Amino acid sequence: MAVKRSTAKNKKSASKAGKSGKKTKVSARKKPQKKNKPVKPAKKKGVKPASRPAKKTKAHHPVKKATPAKKQVKEKVAVVKPERVKEAKIVIPPTPPSLVYPDDKALKLRVKTILVSQPKPENEKSPYLELARRSNVKIDFRHFIKVEGMTTKEFRQQRINLTEHNAVILTSRNAIDHFFRICGEMRYNVPETTKYFCLNEATAYYLQKYIQYRKRKIFFGNCSIADLAEALRKNKEEHFLLPVADVHREEKIIDILDLLKLNYKKAIIYRTVSADLSDFKGKLDYDVVVFFTPAGIRSLFVNFPGFKQGDLRIAAFGAATAKAVREHGLRLDIAAPNPQTPSMTMALESYIREVNKR
């Protein structure tokens, strides 16, 4: 009966609208219909709901945070360079020369002529020539020894491979001459990268005879191996070759090379032998004869068998030469170096001044 009442009301509302003559506006927009939610099944009493299937778990991965839209500014990291550790500078104390003094029985006689057992100097400013002018004495020069080069066969017996050495330590002009002679005879072209270490500037300039001076790396000291210690240490990665004579005086050089822990090898490339003095006809007609090496003393007895000193004064420079004089039973009249006369020319001048004033 409720249905009939609702229809009656609808008819009355429709009749009223027709009488007024107004049309009803229909909204163009339709309201979205709500989706019907799924109806959950009613729970029955006494019945447990079925267990839901377990959700599949994904492998755990670190979640990347979303980067902001702003431009990423790269931070400038200051690169800290490791500080170089400066090696301590090697200070080699100069070894004082061995002092030599004349014998107690040295003669004091007037001097007019002197023979120096060295080659004649090329420079007119030689201290010996100046001494001759000042003291009004005659000074002659004659080398008592000469240098002979080792043969290639003798050099090979030392088992030295020239290609393994890229630096050379040169002590004299003889060492330069015979080093390049050996290289030429063995057909070895010395590389342009070879470094040269010379004891003094004069020896370094003498290299121009064999190489172009400006294109090579050349180091030189002031007549002492101690002056080259710093340059040698800076090049300690090189392989050094030390050309020497059979009887050499490079003990101090070898001591410094060992102190610096350098990789070096000693090569004997020439020898000293007695010179021919037959033109003296078995007699030394001089007041003083000056010697500088033990080899010069040996040459004296080779060229003058049965030599007797008599009134001949003998001058010796260096402890080794003075020792050789005394070992041969000779008298040492003039000696150097010592505190009063550090050079041979000073020793000669002091002696001449003392004996010629009478």
Foldseek 3Di string as FASTA:
>chain_A
DVVVVVVVVVVVVVVVCVVVVDDDDDDPDDDDDDDDDDDDDDDDPPDDDDDDDDDDDDDDDDDDDDDDPDDDDDDDDDDDDDDDDDDDDDDDDDDDADFDDFDPPFDQAAFAEEEEQADDDPDCPDLVNVLCVVLVHYYHYHHFKDKDWDDLVVQVVVVDDPVQFQEEEDEDLVLLVLVVVSCVVVVHDRDLAREYEYAADVSLVSCVVPDPSVSHHYHYAHNDVSRCLVVCLVVQVGEYEYEDAPDGDCPVVVVSCVVSVHHYDYTHTMYMAGDAPCVVVQDDPGQEYEDEALRSVVSVCVNRPPDDCPNRAYEYEGPRNVVSCVVVVHGHNFYDDDPQHNDRSSRVSVSNVVNVVD
